[in-house]
C-alpha atoms as a PDB file:
ATOM      1  CA  MET A   1      13.640  -1.748  -9.697  1.00  0.00           C
ATOM      2  CA  GLY A   2      11.413   1.242  -9.066  1.00  0.00           C
ATOM      3  CA  HIS A   3       9.476   2.134  -5.945  1.00  0.00           C
ATOM      4  CA  ARG A   4       6.333   0.125  -6.450  1.00  0.00           C
ATOM      5  CA  ALA A   5       2.985   0.949  -4.906  1.00  0.00           C
ATOM      6  CA  LEU A   6      -0.652  -0.034  -5.141  1.00  0.00           C
ATOM      7  CA  VAL A   7      -3.379   2.597  -5.318  1.00  0.00           C
ATOM      8  CA  ALA A   8      -7.022   1.971  -4.387  1.00  0.00           C
ATOM      9  CA  TYR A   9      -9.632   4.384  -5.761  1.00  0.00           C
ATOM     10  CA  GLU A  10     -12.989   4.467  -4.017  1.00  0.00           C
ATOM     11  CA  ARG A  11     -16.074   3.770  -6.136  1.00  0.00           C
ATOM     12  CA  THR A  12     -19.554   5.183  -5.672  1.00  0.00           C
ATOM     13  CA  ASP A  13     -20.698   1.835  -4.222  1.00  0.00           C
ATOM     14  CA  GLY A  14     -18.015   1.904  -1.502  1.00  0.00           C
ATOM     15  CA  GLN A  15     -15.787  -0.692  -3.153  1.00  0.00           C
ATOM     16  CA  TYR A  16     -12.476   0.049  -4.875  1.00  0.00           C
ATOM     17  CA  THR A  17     -10.558  -0.242  -8.125  1.00  0.00           C
ATOM     18  CA  LEU A  18      -6.953  -1.313  -7.659  1.00  0.00           C
ATOM     19  CA  HIS A  19      -4.141   0.254  -9.704  1.00  0.00           C
ATOM     20  CA  TYR A  20      -0.353  -0.115  -9.869  1.00  0.00           C
ATOM     21  CA  SER A  21       2.344   2.573  -9.790  1.00  0.00           C
ATOM     22  CA  HIS A  22       5.951   1.677 -10.535  1.00  0.00           C
ATOM     23  CA  TRP A  23       7.495   4.795  -8.940  1.00  0.00           C
ATOM     24  CA  GLY A  24       4.695   6.011  -6.692  1.00  0.00           C
ATOM     25  CA  ALA A  25       6.295   4.926  -3.408  1.00  0.00           C
ATOM     26  CA  ALA A  26       9.365   7.151  -3.894  1.00  0.00           C
ATOM     27  CA  ASN A  27       9.169   9.633  -1.000  1.00  0.00           C
ATOM     28  CA  LEU A  28       5.438   8.830  -0.974  1.00  0.00           C
ATOM     29  CA  LYS A  29       5.037  11.437  -3.714  1.00  0.00           C
ATOM     30  CA  LEU A  30       1.654  10.181  -4.854  1.00  0.00           C
ATOM     31  CA  LYS A  31       0.167  11.669  -1.689  1.00  0.00           C
ATOM     32  CA  HIS A  32       0.413  15.063  -3.415  1.00  0.00           C
ATOM     33  CA  ARG A  33       0.376  14.131  -7.099  1.00  0.00           C
ATOM     34  CA  ILE A  34      -3.072  12.554  -7.184  1.00  0.00           C
ATOM     35  CA  SER A  35      -5.828  15.156  -7.344  1.00  0.00           C
ATOM     36  CA  ALA A  36      -9.116  15.895  -9.061  1.00  0.00           C
ATOM     37  CA  GLU A  37      -7.114  17.589 -11.831  1.00  0.00           C
ATOM     38  CA  THR A  38      -4.571  14.765 -12.151  1.00  0.00           C
ATOM     39  CA  PRO A  39      -6.409  11.579 -11.072  1.00  0.00           C
ATOM     40  CA  PHE A  40      -3.550   9.260 -12.056  1.00  0.00           C
ATOM     41  CA  GLY A  41      -0.698  11.663 -11.310  1.00  0.00           C
ATOM     42  CA  GLY A  42       1.517  13.106 -14.019  1.00  0.00           C
ATOM     43  CA  GLU A  43       1.982  16.630 -15.299  1.00  0.00           C
ATOM     44  CA  ASP A  44      -1.104  16.905 -17.509  1.00  0.00           C
ATOM     45  CA  THR A  45      -3.670  19.091 -15.726  1.00  0.00           C
ATOM     46  CA  ASP A  46      -6.014  19.052 -18.726  1.00  0.00           C
ATOM     47  CA  SER A  47      -6.560  15.321 -18.406  1.00  0.00           C
ATOM     48  CA  LYS A  48     -10.184  15.046 -19.531  1.00  0.00           C
ATOM     49  CA  TRP A  49      -9.634  11.429 -20.572  1.00  0.00           C
ATOM     50  CA  ALA A  50      -8.325  10.536 -17.087  1.00  0.00           C
ATOM     51  CA  LYS A  51     -11.208  12.257 -15.308  1.00  0.00           C
ATOM     52  CA  GLN A  52     -13.747  10.530 -17.532  1.00  0.00           C
ATOM     53  CA  LEU A  53     -12.109   7.129 -17.160  1.00  0.00           C
ATOM     54  CA  LEU A  54     -11.930   7.371 -13.383  1.00  0.00           C
ATOM     55  CA  ALA A  55     -15.548   8.508 -13.245  1.00  0.00           C
ATOM     56  CA  GLU A  56     -16.589   5.467 -15.267  1.00  0.00           C
ATOM     57  CA  LEU A  57     -14.498   3.169 -13.074  1.00  0.00           C
ATOM     58  CA  ALA A  58     -16.138   4.721 -10.021  1.00  0.00           C
ATOM     59  CA  ASP A  59     -19.515   3.847 -11.509  1.00  0.00           C
ATOM     60  CA  GLY A  60     -18.516   0.207 -12.020  1.00  0.00           C
ATOM     61  CA  LEU A  61     -16.625  -0.008 -15.323  1.00  0.00           C
ATOM     62  CA  GLU A  62     -14.833  -3.378 -15.429  1.00  0.00           C
ATOM     63  CA  ALA A  63     -11.091  -3.736 -16.026  1.00  0.00           C
ATOM     64  CA  ASP A  64     -11.519  -5.617 -19.308  1.00  0.00           C
ATOM     65  CA  ALA A  65     -13.429  -2.658 -20.761  1.00  0.00           C
ATOM     66  CA  VAL A  66     -10.569  -0.201 -20.206  1.00  0.00           C
ATOM     67  CA  ASP A  67      -8.381  -1.342 -23.120  1.00  0.00           C
ATOM     68  CA  GLY A  68     -10.984  -0.309 -25.644  1.00  0.00           C
ATOM     69  CA  TYR A  69     -11.549   2.940 -23.811  1.00  0.00           C
ATOM     70  CA  LEU A  70      -7.850   3.858 -24.027  1.00  0.00           C
ATOM     71  CA  ALA A  71      -7.214   2.578 -27.546  1.00  0.00           C
ATOM     72  CA  GLY A  72      -5.804   5.236 -29.828  1.00  0.00           C
ATOM     73  CA  LYS A  73      -5.606   7.865 -27.143  1.00  0.00           C
ATOM     74  CA  ASP A  74      -2.742  10.319 -27.543  1.00  0.00           C
ATOM     75  CA  ARG A  75      -2.282  10.789 -23.841  1.00  0.00           C
ATOM     76  CA  PRO A  76       0.646  11.795 -21.610  1.00  0.00           C
ATOM     77  CA  SER A  77       2.185   9.247 -19.293  1.00  0.00           C
ATOM     78  CA  THR A  78       0.877   9.022 -15.740  1.00  0.00           C
ATOM     79  CA  VAL A  79       2.429   7.918 -12.456  1.00  0.00           C
ATOM     80  CA  VAL A  80      -0.421   5.475 -11.828  1.00  0.00           C
ATOM     81  CA  GLU A  81      -1.370   2.960 -14.508  1.00  0.00           C
ATOM     82  CA  PRO A  82      -4.867   3.912 -15.760  1.00  0.00           C
ATOM     83  CA  LYS A  83      -5.884   0.301 -16.316  1.00  0.00           C
ATOM     84  CA  PRO A  84      -6.814  -1.271 -12.979  1.00  0.00           C
ATOM     85  CA  ARG A  85      -5.383  -4.561 -11.784  1.00  0.00           C
ATOM     86  CA  ALA A  86      -8.805  -5.441 -10.374  1.00  0.00           C
ATOM     87  CA  THR A  87     -12.169  -3.823  -9.695  1.00  0.00           C
ATOM     88  CA  GLY A  88     -14.961  -4.177  -7.160  1.00  0.00           C
ATOM     89  CA  LEU A  89     -12.741  -4.993  -4.176  1.00  0.00           C
ATOM     90  CA  THR A  90     -12.997  -4.104  -0.506  1.00  0.00           C
ATOM     91  CA  LEU A  91      -9.981  -2.636   1.256  1.00  0.00           C
ATOM     92  CA  ASP A  92      -9.820  -5.684   3.517  1.00  0.00           C
ATOM     93  CA  VAL A  93      -9.493  -7.982   0.490  1.00  0.00           C
ATOM     94  CA  ILE A  94      -6.863  -5.751  -1.123  1.00  0.00           C
ATOM     95  CA  VAL A  95      -4.517  -5.674   1.870  1.00  0.00           C
ATOM     96  CA  ALA A  96      -4.934  -9.393   2.569  1.00  0.00           C
ATOM     97  CA  ASP A  97      -4.936 -10.854  -0.957  1.00  0.00           C
ATOM     98  CA  TYR A  98      -3.336  -8.319  -3.325  1.00  0.00           C
ATOM     99  CA  LEU A  99      -0.815  -6.225  -1.424  1.00  0.00           C
ATOM    100  CA  ASP A 100       2.711  -7.661  -1.568  1.00  0.00           C
ATOM    101  CA  TYR A 101       4.410  -6.387   1.575  1.00  0.00           C
ATOM    102  CA  LEU A 102       7.908  -7.066   0.218  1.00  0.00           C
ATOM    103  CA  HIS A 103       7.616  -5.687  -3.303  1.00  0.00           C
ATOM    104  CA  HIS A 104       5.070  -2.917  -2.772  1.00  0.00           C
ATOM    105  CA  GLU A 105       6.714  -0.210  -0.705  1.00  0.00           C
ATOM    106  CA  ALA A 106       3.551   1.823  -0.152  1.00  0.00           C
ATOM    107  CA  PHE A 107      -0.219   1.714  -0.423  1.00  0.00           C
ATOM    108  CA  PHE A 108      -2.458   4.699  -1.199  1.00  0.00           C
ATOM    109  CA  VAL A 109      -6.201   5.009  -0.692  1.00  0.00           C
ATOM    110  CA  VAL A 110      -8.012   7.681  -2.708  1.00  0.00           C
ATOM    111  CA  SER A 111     -11.517   8.727  -1.687  1.00  0.00           C
ATOM    112  CA  THR A 112     -14.195   9.905  -4.107  1.00  0.00           C
ATOM    113  CA  THR A 113     -13.307  13.460  -3.028  1.00  0.00           C
ATOM    114  CA  PHE A 114      -9.586  12.831  -3.714  1.00  0.00           C
ATOM    115  CA  LYS A 115      -8.477  12.663  -0.130  1.00  0.00           C
ATOM    116  CA  VAL A 116      -5.284  10.594  -0.414  1.00  0.00           C
ATOM    117  CA  THR A 117      -4.068   8.525   2.538  1.00  0.00           C
ATOM    118  CA  ALA A 118      -0.568   7.044   2.376  1.00  0.00           C
ATOM    119  CA  TYR A 119       0.546   3.863   4.139  1.00  0.00           C
ATOM    120  CA  ARG A 120       3.999   2.326   4.444  1.00  0.00           C
ATOM    121  CA  THR A 121       4.236  -1.453   4.133  1.00  0.00           C
ATOM    122  CA  MET A 122       6.203  -3.450   6.706  1.00  0.00           C
ATOM    123  CA  TRP A 123       6.966  -7.026   5.651  1.00  0.00           C
ATOM    124  CA  PHE A 124       7.108  -9.698   8.364  1.00  0.00           C
ATOM    125  CA  GLY A 125       9.128 -12.178   6.301  1.00  0.00           C
ATOM    126  CA  LEU A 126      12.553 -13.090   7.745  1.00  0.00           C
ATOM    127  CA  GLN A 127      14.215 -14.909   4.861  1.00  0.00           C
ATOM    128  CA  TYR A 128      16.838 -12.136   4.539  1.00  0.00           C
ATOM    129  CA  ASP A 129      17.366 -11.863   8.304  1.00  0.00           C
ATOM    130  CA  SER A 130      17.617 -15.530   9.266  1.00  0.00           C
ATOM    131  CA  GLU A 131      19.826 -18.380   8.070  1.00  0.00           C
ATOM    132  CA  THR A 132      17.101 -20.910   8.817  1.00  0.00           C
ATOM    133  CA  VAL A 133      14.258 -19.283   6.862  1.00  0.00           C
ATOM    134  CA  GLU A 134      14.330 -20.185   3.188  1.00  0.00           C
ATOM    135  CA  GLN A 135      11.273 -18.306   1.989  1.00  0.00           C
ATOM    136  CA  GLY A 136       8.716 -15.968   3.507  1.00  0.00           C
ATOM    137  CA  LYS A 137       5.175 -15.273   2.374  1.00  0.00           C
ATOM    138  CA  THR A 138       4.909 -11.787   0.913  1.00  0.00           C
ATOM    139  CA  VAL A 139       1.221 -11.248   0.073  1.00  0.00           C
ATOM    140  CA  GLY A 140      -0.852 -10.467   3.157  1.00  0.00           C
ATOM    141  CA  ASN A 141       2.133 -10.959   5.472  1.00  0.00           C
ATOM    142  CA  GLY A 142       2.879  -7.609   7.024  1.00  0.00           C
ATOM    143  CA  ALA A 143       1.563  -4.379   8.452  1.00  0.00           C
ATOM    144  CA  LEU A 144       0.405  -1.038   7.093  1.00  0.00           C
ATOM    145  CA  VAL A 145       1.436   2.091   8.965  1.00  0.00           C
ATOM    146  CA  THR A 146       0.049   5.567   8.398  1.00  0.00           C
ATOM    147  CA  VAL A 147       2.483   8.409   7.839  1.00  0.00           C
ATOM    148  CA  ARG A 148       2.891  11.663   9.737  1.00  0.00           C
ATOM    149  CA  TRP A 149       3.261  14.815   7.610  1.00  0.00           C
ATOM    150  CA  HIS A 150       4.706  18.279   8.125  1.00  0.00           C
ATOM    151  CA  ASP A 151       4.822  20.957   5.420  1.00  0.00           C
ATOM    152  CA  GLY A 152       4.028  18.332   2.813  1.00  0.00           C
ATOM    153  CA  GLU A 153       6.873  16.006   3.791  1.00  0.00           C
ATOM    154  CA  PRO A 154       6.720  12.636   5.574  1.00  0.00           C
ATOM    155  CA  VAL A 155       8.035  12.857   9.127  1.00  0.00           C
ATOM    156  CA  GLY A 156      10.019   9.989  10.631  1.00  0.00           C
ATOM    157  CA  ASP A 157       9.306   7.688   7.692  1.00  0.00           C
ATOM    158  CA  GLY A 158      12.897   6.574   7.160  1.00  0.00           C
ATOM    159  CA  HIS A 159      13.514   6.344  10.903  1.00  0.00           C
ATOM    160  CA  LEU A 160      10.612   3.963  11.418  1.00  0.00           C
ATOM    161  CA  GLN A 161      11.750   1.812   8.507  1.00  0.00           C
ATOM    162  CA  GLY A 162      15.221   1.647  10.058  1.00  0.00           C
ATOM    163  CA  GLN A 163      13.777   0.672  13.431  1.00  0.00           C
ATOM    164  CA  PHE A 164      11.729  -2.080  11.830  1.00  0.00           C
ATOM    165  CA  ALA A 165      14.794  -3.393   9.975  1.00  0.00           C
ATOM    166  CA  ALA A 166      16.593  -3.616  13.332  1.00  0.00           C
ATOM    167  CA  LEU A 167      13.639  -5.494  14.832  1.00  0.00           C
ATOM    168  CA  LYS A 168      13.759  -7.979  11.974  1.00  0.00           C
ATOM    169  CA  ASP A 169      17.476  -8.489  12.525  1.00  0.00           C
ATOM    170  CA  VAL A 170      16.824  -9.337  16.186  1.00  0.00           C
ATOM    171  CA  GLY A 171      13.943 -11.603  15.262  1.00  0.00           C
ATOM    172  CA  GLY A 172      16.038 -13.444  12.706  1.00  0.00           C
ATOM    173  CA  ASN A 173      18.894 -13.939  15.171  1.00  0.00           C
ATOM    174  CA  MET A 174      16.551 -15.255  17.861  1.00  0.00           C
ATOM    175  CA  LEU A 175      15.017 -17.624  15.333  1.00  0.00           C
ATOM    176  CA  ASP A 176      18.437 -18.972  14.352  1.00  0.00           C
ATOM    177  CA  LYS A 177      19.371 -19.496  18.005  1.00  0.00           C
ATOM    178  CA  GLY A 178      16.198 -21.454  18.655  1.00  0.00           C
ATOM    179  CA  VAL A 179      14.812 -18.857  21.071  1.00  0.00           C
ATOM    180  CA  PHE A 180      11.934 -18.014  18.728  1.00  0.00           C
ATOM    181  CA  THR A 181       9.733 -20.236  16.635  1.00  0.00           C
ATOM    182  CA  PRO A 182       8.436 -18.755  13.340  1.00  0.00           C
ATOM    183  CA  SER A 183       5.177 -17.954  15.137  1.00  0.00           C
ATOM    184  CA  THR A 184       6.783 -16.244  18.134  1.00  0.00           C
ATOM    185  CA  ALA A 185       9.160 -14.346  15.837  1.00  0.00           C
ATOM    186  CA  ARG A 186       6.163 -12.914  13.980  1.00  0.00           C
ATOM    187  CA  GLN A 187       4.431 -12.042  17.262  1.00  0.00           C
ATOM    188  CA  TYR A 188       7.616 -10.284  18.390  1.00  0.00           C
ATOM    189  CA  LEU A 189       7.702  -8.163  15.219  1.00  0.00           C
ATOM    190  CA  LYS A 190       4.048  -7.222  15.549  1.00  0.00           C
ATOM    191  CA  ARG A 191       4.289  -6.333  19.229  1.00  0.00           C
ATOM    192  CA  LYS A 192       7.457  -4.273  18.884  1.00  0.00           C
ATOM    193  CA  LEU A 193       6.218  -2.486  15.766  1.00  0.00           C
ATOM    194  CA  VAL A 194       3.030  -1.455  17.561  1.00  0.00           C
ATOM    195  CA  GLU A 195       5.194  -0.091  20.398  1.00  0.00           C
ATOM    196  CA  ARG A 196       7.378   1.875  17.964  1.00  0.00           C
ATOM    197  CA  VAL A 197       4.414   3.353  16.125  1.00  0.00           C
ATOM    198  CA  GLY A 198       2.761   4.568  19.326  1.00  0.00           C
ATOM    199  CA  ASP A 199      -0.322   6.772  19.358  1.00  0.00           C
ATOM    200  CA  GLN A 200       0.638   9.260  16.630  1.00  0.00           C
ATOM    201  CA  GLN A 201       0.108   6.819  13.777  1.00  0.00           C
ATOM    202  CA  ASN A 202      -2.221   3.922  13.022  1.00  0.00           C
ATOM    203  CA  ILE A 203      -1.129   0.376  12.253  1.00  0.00           C
ATOM    204  CA  PHE A 204      -3.218  -2.269  10.484  1.00  0.00           C
ATOM    205  CA  ILE A 205      -2.353  -5.966  10.350  1.00  0.00           C
ATOM    206  CA  PRO A 206      -4.373  -8.500   8.317  1.00  0.00           C
ATOM    207  CA  THR A 207      -4.775 -11.755  10.227  1.00  0.00           C
ATOM    208  CA  GLY A 208      -6.483 -14.094   7.769  1.00  0.00           C
ATOM    209  CA  GLU A 209      -9.315 -14.625  10.245  1.00  0.00           C
ATOM    210  CA  SER A 210     -10.781 -11.215  10.912  1.00  0.00           C
ATOM    211  CA  PRO A 211      -9.656  -8.456   8.538  1.00  0.00           C
ATOM    212  CA  PHE A 212      -7.423  -6.601  11.002  1.00  0.00           C
ATOM    213  CA  GLU A 213      -6.066  -7.075  14.456  1.00  0.00           C
ATOM    214  CA  LYS A 214      -6.504  -3.491  15.616  1.00  0.00           C
ATOM    215  CA  THR A 215      -9.202  -2.065  13.364  1.00  0.00           C
ATOM    216  CA  SER A 216     -10.396  -2.048   9.799  1.00  0.00           C
ATOM    217  CA  ILE A 217      -8.425   0.171   7.504  1.00  0.00           C
ATOM    218  CA  SER A 218      -9.887   3.630   7.149  1.00  0.00           C
ATOM    219  CA  GLN A 219      -9.034   6.855   5.382  1.00  0.00           C
ATOM    220  CA  SER A 220      -7.747   8.630   8.447  1.00  0.00           C
END
């Protein structure tokens, strides 16, 4: 199934182009594979075509113009798809309307100077944790959590995911027993996740009303 991720590249106007990576969430490897020399990842460090394409996208090239740009190119494969899924988006719109918190395991934000910030996605849906929930919304229904790093490796990433899975199991059980409503179950997940994350990481939760409950997403 891959380890799917979305990647947002900053444009010169402050908006973003949105790209897809089928394996980019595996061990959050895109954090270190995206650079000025390899804008879309991959092993090709002489990627003039990739640098030029990203520069044009940063200046406002639309997605429908990319096919012609890439036609006939004898180019190596990249970890991130060069053709964007969408262009001219804000980060708030991406995480609320494009990011699938079940199927996208990670989200990466790339600045114009190639500072790459990695976020883990935490899905609030309980359809796999509760016998009474038939289907849970996936797009815009979750949290983004920044990742701690040491010597180039994510620290506590798997542990936090395991803790969140346990929280969802409790929430699903309480929902089945009638202790929680769907709304209170979601509030429980949010509150407990914030407690688990603590002060060493940042958490961002789209609400549908204002962009985020705690703060707008930033490249921190």
